[in-house]
């Protein structure tokens, strides 16, 4: 791996860590947690499969 790529990856990781630290400090902490929790629940609902509902049309091959 080249030096440039290592530096770019290091800066990306460090930037992400700084952003996370900034979002989780002070009065932003509760807002950030609420936002992440809401988005996670929306994501779960979007990809949840309903096992109780059966397909009324049966498709035979």
PDB file of N, CA and C in Angstrom:
ATOM      1  N   UNK A   1       0.848  -1.164   0.000  1.00  0.00           N
ATOM      2  CA  UNK A   1       0.000   0.000   0.000  1.00  0.00           C
ATOM      3  C   UNK A   1       0.901   1.237   0.000  1.00  0.00           C
ATOM      4  N   UNK A   2       0.578   2.190  -0.843  1.00  0.00           N
ATOM      5  CA  UNK A   2       1.427   3.371  -0.965  1.00  0.00           C
ATOM      6  C   UNK A   2       1.248   4.302   0.232  1.00  0.00           C
ATOM      7  N   UNK A   3       2.218   5.160   0.406  1.00  0.00           N
ATOM      8  CA  UNK A   3       2.196   6.107   1.526  1.00  0.00           C
ATOM      9  C   UNK A   3       1.020   7.056   1.405  1.00  0.00           C
ATOM     10  N   UNK A   4       0.716   7.496   0.195  1.00  0.00           N
ATOM     11  CA  UNK A   4      -0.401   8.420  -0.016  1.00  0.00           C
ATOM     12  C   UNK A   4      -1.717   7.786   0.410  1.00  0.00           C
ATOM     13  N   UNK A   5      -1.895   6.529   0.054  1.00  0.00           N
ATOM     14  CA  UNK A   5      -3.129   5.829   0.418  1.00  0.00           C
ATOM     15  C   UNK A   5      -3.231   5.664   1.938  1.00  0.00           C
ATOM     16  N   UNK A   6      -2.126   5.357   2.584  1.00  0.00           N
ATOM     17  CA  UNK A   6      -2.121   5.221   4.042  1.00  0.00           C
ATOM     18  C   UNK A   6      -2.470   6.537   4.717  1.00  0.00           C
ATOM     19  N   UNK A   7      -1.918   7.631   4.198  1.00  0.00           N
ATOM     20  CA  UNK A   7      -2.214   8.954   4.772  1.00  0.00           C
ATOM     21  C   UNK A   7      -3.687   9.305   4.565  1.00  0.00           C
ATOM     22  N   UNK A   8      -4.222   9.017   3.385  1.00  0.00           N
ATOM     23  CA  UNK A   8      -5.622   9.312   3.101  1.00  0.00           C
ATOM     24  C   UNK A   8      -6.549   8.513   4.014  1.00  0.00           C
ATOM     25  N   UNK A   9      -6.251   7.245   4.212  1.00  0.00           N
ATOM     26  CA  UNK A   9      -7.070   6.413   5.099  1.00  0.00           C
ATOM     27  C   UNK A   9      -6.958   6.910   6.539  1.00  0.00           C
ATOM     28  N   UNK A  10      -5.764   7.261   6.965  1.00  0.00           N
ATOM     29  CA  UNK A  10      -5.567   7.788   8.315  1.00  0.00           C
ATOM     30  C   UNK A  10      -6.320   9.078   8.546  1.00  0.00           C
ATOM     31  N   UNK A  11      -6.297   9.980   7.558  1.00  0.00           N
ATOM     32  CA  UNK A  11      -7.041  11.237   7.690  1.00  0.00           C
ATOM     33  C   UNK A  11      -8.551  10.993   7.730  1.00  0.00           C
ATOM     34  N   UNK A  12      -9.013  10.030   6.943  1.00  0.00           N
ATOM     35  CA  UNK A  12     -10.443   9.704   6.946  1.00  0.00           C
ATOM     36  C   UNK A  12     -10.894   9.151   8.283  1.00  0.00           C
ATOM     37  N   UNK A  13     -10.113   8.249   8.845  1.00  0.00           N
ATOM     38  CA  UNK A  13     -10.440   7.669  10.153  1.00  0.00           C
ATOM     39  C   UNK A  13     -10.372   8.734  11.246  1.00  0.00           C
ATOM     40  N   UNK A  14      -9.340   9.565  11.203  1.00  0.00           N
ATOM     41  CA  UNK A  14      -9.203  10.619  12.207  1.00  0.00           C
ATOM     42  C   UNK A  14     -10.338  11.629  12.091  1.00  0.00           C
ATOM     43  N   UNK A  15     -10.727  11.967  10.880  1.00  0.00           N
ATOM     44  CA  UNK A  15     -11.841  12.894  10.679  1.00  0.00           C
ATOM     45  C   UNK A  15     -13.148  12.327  11.198  1.00  0.00           C
ATOM     46  N   UNK A  16     -13.369  11.055  10.946  1.00  0.00           N
ATOM     47  CA  UNK A  16     -14.579  10.406  11.457  1.00  0.00           C
ATOM     48  C   UNK A  16     -14.605  10.363  12.973  1.00  0.00           C
ATOM     49  N   UNK A  17     -13.444  10.106  13.573  1.00  0.00           N
ATOM     50  CA  UNK A  17     -13.366  10.076  15.035  1.00  0.00           C
ATOM     51  C   UNK A  17     -13.615  11.465  15.624  1.00  0.00           C
ATOM     52  N   UNK A  18     -13.074  12.487  14.989  1.00  0.00           N
ATOM     53  CA  UNK A  18     -13.316  13.855  15.471  1.00  0.00           C
ATOM     54  C   UNK A  18     -14.783  14.248  15.334  1.00  0.00           C
ATOM     55  N   UNK A  19     -15.405  13.870  14.225  1.00  0.00           N
ATOM     56  CA  UNK A  19     -16.825  14.170  14.038  1.00  0.00           C
ATOM     57  C   UNK A  19     -17.671  13.461  15.083  1.00  0.00           C
ATOM     58  N   UNK A  20     -17.390  12.187  15.336  1.00  0.00           N
ATOM     59  CA  UNK A  20     -18.137  11.438  16.345  1.00  0.00           C
ATOM     60  C   UNK A  20     -17.941  12.041  17.727  1.00  0.00           C
ATOM     61  N   UNK A  21     -16.719  12.445  18.040  1.00  0.00           N
ATOM     62  CA  UNK A  21     -16.457  13.055  19.343  1.00  0.00           C
ATOM     63  C   UNK A  21     -17.205  14.373  19.474  1.00  0.00           C
ATOM     64  N   UNK A  22     -17.246  15.168  18.412  1.00  0.00           N
ATOM     65  CA  UNK A  22     -17.948  16.454  18.461  1.00  0.00           C
ATOM     66  C   UNK A  22     -19.453  16.241  18.608  1.00  0.00           C
ATOM     67  N   UNK A  23     -20.003  15.256  17.874  1.00  0.00           N
ATOM     68  CA  UNK A  23     -21.448  15.014  17.934  1.00  0.00           C
ATOM     69  C   UNK A  23     -21.888  14.447  19.283  1.00  0.00           C
ATOM     70  N   UNK A  24     -20.993  13.760  19.970  1.00  0.00           N
ATOM     71  CA  UNK A  24     -21.374  13.111  21.223  1.00  0.00           C
ATOM     72  C   UNK A  24     -20.921  13.881  22.461  1.00  0.00           C
ATOM     73  N   UNK A  25     -20.641  15.163  22.318  1.00  0.00           N
ATOM     74  CA  UNK A  25     -20.263  15.966  23.473  1.00  0.00           C
ATOM     75  C   UNK A  25     -21.271  17.092  23.657  1.00  0.00           C
ATOM     76  N   UNK A  26     -21.411  17.524  24.880  1.00  0.00           N
ATOM     77  CA  UNK A  26     -22.265  18.669  25.190  1.00  0.00           C
ATOM     78  C   UNK A  26     -23.734  18.397  24.943  1.00  0.00           C
ATOM     79  N   UNK A  27     -24.440  19.449  24.544  1.00  0.00           N
ATOM     80  CA  UNK A  27     -25.887  19.338  24.359  1.00  0.00           C
ATOM     81  C   UNK A  27     -26.254  18.616  23.067  1.00  0.00           C
ATOM     82  N   UNK A  28     -25.287  18.355  22.190  1.00  0.00           N
ATOM     83  CA  UNK A  28     -25.556  17.625  20.950  1.00  0.00           C
ATOM     84  C   UNK A  28     -25.712  16.129  21.189  1.00  0.00           C
ATOM     85  N   UNK A  29     -25.294  15.646  22.352  1.00  0.00           N
ATOM     86  CA  UNK A  29     -25.295  14.205  22.621  1.00  0.00           C
ATOM     87  C   UNK A  29     -26.696  13.613  22.544  1.00  0.00           C
ATOM     88  N   UNK A  30     -27.668  14.224  23.214  1.00  0.00           N
ATOM     89  CA  UNK A  30     -29.033  13.697  23.219  1.00  0.00           C
ATOM     90  C   UNK A  30     -29.657  13.781  21.826  1.00  0.00           C
ATOM     91  N   UNK A  31     -29.449  14.899  21.143  1.00  0.00           N
ATOM     92  CA  UNK A  31     -29.997  15.047  19.797  1.00  0.00           C
ATOM     93  C   UNK A  31     -29.410  14.010  18.845  1.00  0.00           C
ATOM     94  N   UNK A  32     -28.116  13.770  18.952  1.00  0.00           N
ATOM     95  CA  UNK A  32     -27.461  12.792  18.087  1.00  0.00           C
ATOM     96  C   UNK A  32     -27.972  11.389  18.368  1.00  0.00           C
ATOM     97  N   UNK A  33     -28.093  11.035  19.643  1.00  0.00           N
ATOM     98  CA  UNK A  33     -28.593   9.699  19.990  1.00  0.00           C
ATOM     99  C   UNK A  33     -30.019   9.504  19.507  1.00  0.00           C
ATOM    100  N   UNK A  34     -30.871  10.520  19.669  1.00  0.00           N
ATOM    101  CA  UNK A  34     -32.252  10.423  19.203  1.00  0.00           C
ATOM    102  C   UNK A  34     -32.308  10.268  17.682  1.00  0.00           C
ATOM    103  N   UNK A  35     -31.491  11.038  16.984  1.00  0.00           N
ATOM    104  CA  UNK A  35     -31.457  10.969  15.521  1.00  0.00           C
ATOM    105  C   UNK A  35     -31.022   9.584  15.045  1.00  0.00           C
ATOM    106  N   UNK A  36     -29.956   9.054  15.625  1.00  0.00           N
ATOM    107  CA  UNK A  36     -29.441   7.745  15.218  1.00  0.00           C
ATOM    108  C   UNK A  36     -30.450   6.648  15.544  1.00  0.00           C
ATOM    109  N   UNK A  37     -31.079   6.726  16.700  1.00  0.00           N
ATOM    110  CA  UNK A  37     -32.067   5.713  17.087  1.00  0.00           C
ATOM    111  C   UNK A  37     -33.267   5.740  16.149  1.00  0.00           C
ATOM    112  N   UNK A  38     -33.729   6.934  15.788  1.00  0.00           N
ATOM    113  CA  UNK A  38     -34.875   7.049  14.887  1.00  0.00           C
ATOM    114  C   UNK A  38     -34.537   6.477  13.514  1.00  0.00           C
ATOM    115  N   UNK A  39     -33.369   6.822  13.002  1.00  0.00           N
ATOM    116  CA  UNK A  39     -32.967   6.309  11.684  1.00  0.00           C
ATOM    117  C   UNK A  39     -32.780   4.795  11.713  1.00  0.00           C
ATOM    118  N   UNK A  40     -32.266   4.256  12.807  1.00  0.00           N
ATOM    119  CA  UNK A  40     -32.088   2.811  12.919  1.00  0.00           C
ATOM    120  C   UNK A  40     -33.437   2.102  12.923  1.00  0.00           C
ATOM    121  N   UNK A  41     -34.405   2.654  13.636  1.00  0.00           N
ATOM    122  CA  UNK A  41     -35.745   2.056  13.657  1.00  0.00           C
ATOM    123  C   UNK A  41     -36.399   2.127  12.283  1.00  0.00           C
ATOM    124  N   UNK A  42     -36.241   3.256  11.586  1.00  0.00           N
ATOM    125  CA  UNK A  42     -36.782   3.377  10.234  1.00  0.00           C
ATOM    126  C   UNK A  42     -36.141   2.361   9.308  1.00  0.00           C
ATOM    127  N   UNK A  43     -34.846   2.166   9.467  1.00  0.00           N
ATOM    128  CA  UNK A  43     -34.113   1.206   8.638  1.00  0.00           C
ATOM    129  C   UNK A  43     -34.598  -0.215   8.906  1.00  0.00           C
ATOM    130  N   UNK A  44     -34.803  -0.549  10.179  1.00  0.00           N
ATOM    131  CA  UNK A  44     -35.293  -1.884  10.530  1.00  0.00           C
ATOM    132  C   UNK A  44     -36.678  -2.123   9.949  1.00  0.00           C
ATOM    133  N   UNK A  45     -37.550  -1.119  10.046  1.00  0.00           N
ATOM    134  CA  UNK A  45     -38.910  -1.256   9.522  1.00  0.00           C
ATOM    135  C   UNK A  45     -38.910  -1.415   8.010  1.00  0.00           C
ATOM    136  N   UNK A  46     -37.999  -0.728   7.339  1.00  0.00           N
ATOM    137  CA  UNK A  46     -37.950  -0.789   5.880  1.00  0.00           C
ATOM    138  C   UNK A  46     -37.544  -2.173   5.389  1.00  0.00           C
ATOM    139  N   UNK A  47     -36.703  -2.871   6.137  1.00  0.00           N
ATOM    140  CA  UNK A  47     -36.205  -4.162   5.686  1.00  0.00           C
ATOM    141  C   UNK A  47     -36.784  -5.341   6.460  1.00  0.00           C
ATOM    142  N   UNK A  48     -37.754  -5.088   7.319  1.00  0.00           N
ATOM    143  CA  UNK A  48     -38.369  -6.176   8.079  1.00  0.00           C
ATOM    144  C   UNK A  48     -39.295  -6.964   7.161  1.00  0.00           C
ATOM    145  N   UNK A  49     -39.272  -8.250   7.327  1.00  0.00           N
ATOM    146  CA  UNK A  49     -40.155  -9.111   6.542  1.00  0.00           C
ATOM    147  C   UNK A  49     -41.348  -9.477   7.403  1.00  0.00           C
ATOM    148  N   UNK A  50     -42.526  -9.349   6.807  1.00  0.00           N
ATOM    149  CA  UNK A  50     -43.745  -9.746   7.514  1.00  0.00           C
ATOM    150  C   UNK A  50     -43.947 -11.237   7.299  1.00  0.00           C
ATOM    151  N   UNK A  51     -43.794 -12.019   8.362  1.00  0.00           N
ATOM    152  CA  UNK A  51     -43.950 -13.467   8.239  1.00  0.00           C
ATOM    153  C   UNK A  51     -45.400 -13.888   8.417  1.00  0.00           C
ATOM    154  N   UNK A  52     -46.230 -13.015   8.981  1.00  0.00           N
ATOM    155  CA  UNK A  52     -47.626 -13.357   9.207  1.00  0.00           C
ATOM    156  C   UNK A  52     -48.466 -13.226   7.944  1.00  0.00           C
ATOM    157  N   UNK A  53     -48.041 -12.374   7.044  1.00  0.00           N
ATOM    158  CA  UNK A  53     -48.811 -12.122   5.834  1.00  0.00           C
ATOM    159  C   UNK A  53     -48.346 -13.093   4.750  1.00  0.00           C
ATOM    160  N   UNK A  54     -49.322 -13.830   4.206  1.00  0.00           N
ATOM    161  CA  UNK A  54     -48.986 -14.772   3.144  1.00  0.00           C
ATOM    162  C   UNK A  54     -49.331 -14.149   1.799  1.00  0.00           C
ATOM    163  N   UNK A  55     -48.606 -14.535   0.782  1.00  0.00           N
ATOM    164  CA  UNK A  55     -48.865 -14.039  -0.556  1.00  0.00           C
ATOM    165  C   UNK A  55     -50.138 -14.695  -1.077  1.00  0.00           C
ATOM    166  N   UNK A  56     -51.153 -13.905  -1.437  1.00  0.00           N
ATOM    167  CA  UNK A  56     -52.406 -14.506  -1.895  1.00  0.00           C
ATOM    168  C   UNK A  56     -52.261 -15.194  -3.261  1.00  0.00           C
ATOM    169  N   UNK A  57     -51.289 -14.765  -4.055  1.00  0.00           N
ATOM    170  CA  UNK A  57     -51.087 -15.383  -5.359  1.00  0.00           C
ATOM    171  C   UNK A  57     -49.921 -16.365  -5.245  1.00  0.00           C
ATOM    172  N   UNK A  58     -50.195 -17.597  -5.613  1.00  0.00           N
ATOM    173  CA  UNK A  58     -49.163 -18.608  -5.596  1.00  0.00           C
ATOM    174  C   UNK A  58     -48.562 -18.681  -6.987  1.00  0.00           C
ATOM    175  N   UNK A  59     -47.250 -18.617  -7.051  1.00  0.00           N
ATOM    176  CA  UNK A  59     -46.572 -18.640  -8.331  1.00  0.00           C
ATOM    177  C   UNK A  59     -45.862 -19.982  -8.502  1.00  0.00           C
ATOM    178  N   UNK A  60     -46.283 -20.709  -9.526  1.00  0.00           N
ATOM    179  CA  UNK A  60     -45.671 -21.997  -9.820  1.00  0.00           C
ATOM    180  C   UNK A  60     -44.765 -21.834 -11.031  1.00  0.00           C
ATOM    181  N   UNK A  61     -43.655 -22.540 -11.011  1.00  0.00           N
ATOM    182  CA  UNK A  61     -42.739 -22.475 -12.142  1.00  0.00           C
ATOM    183  C   UNK A  61     -42.915 -23.716 -12.983  1.00  0.00           C
TER     184      UNK A  61
END
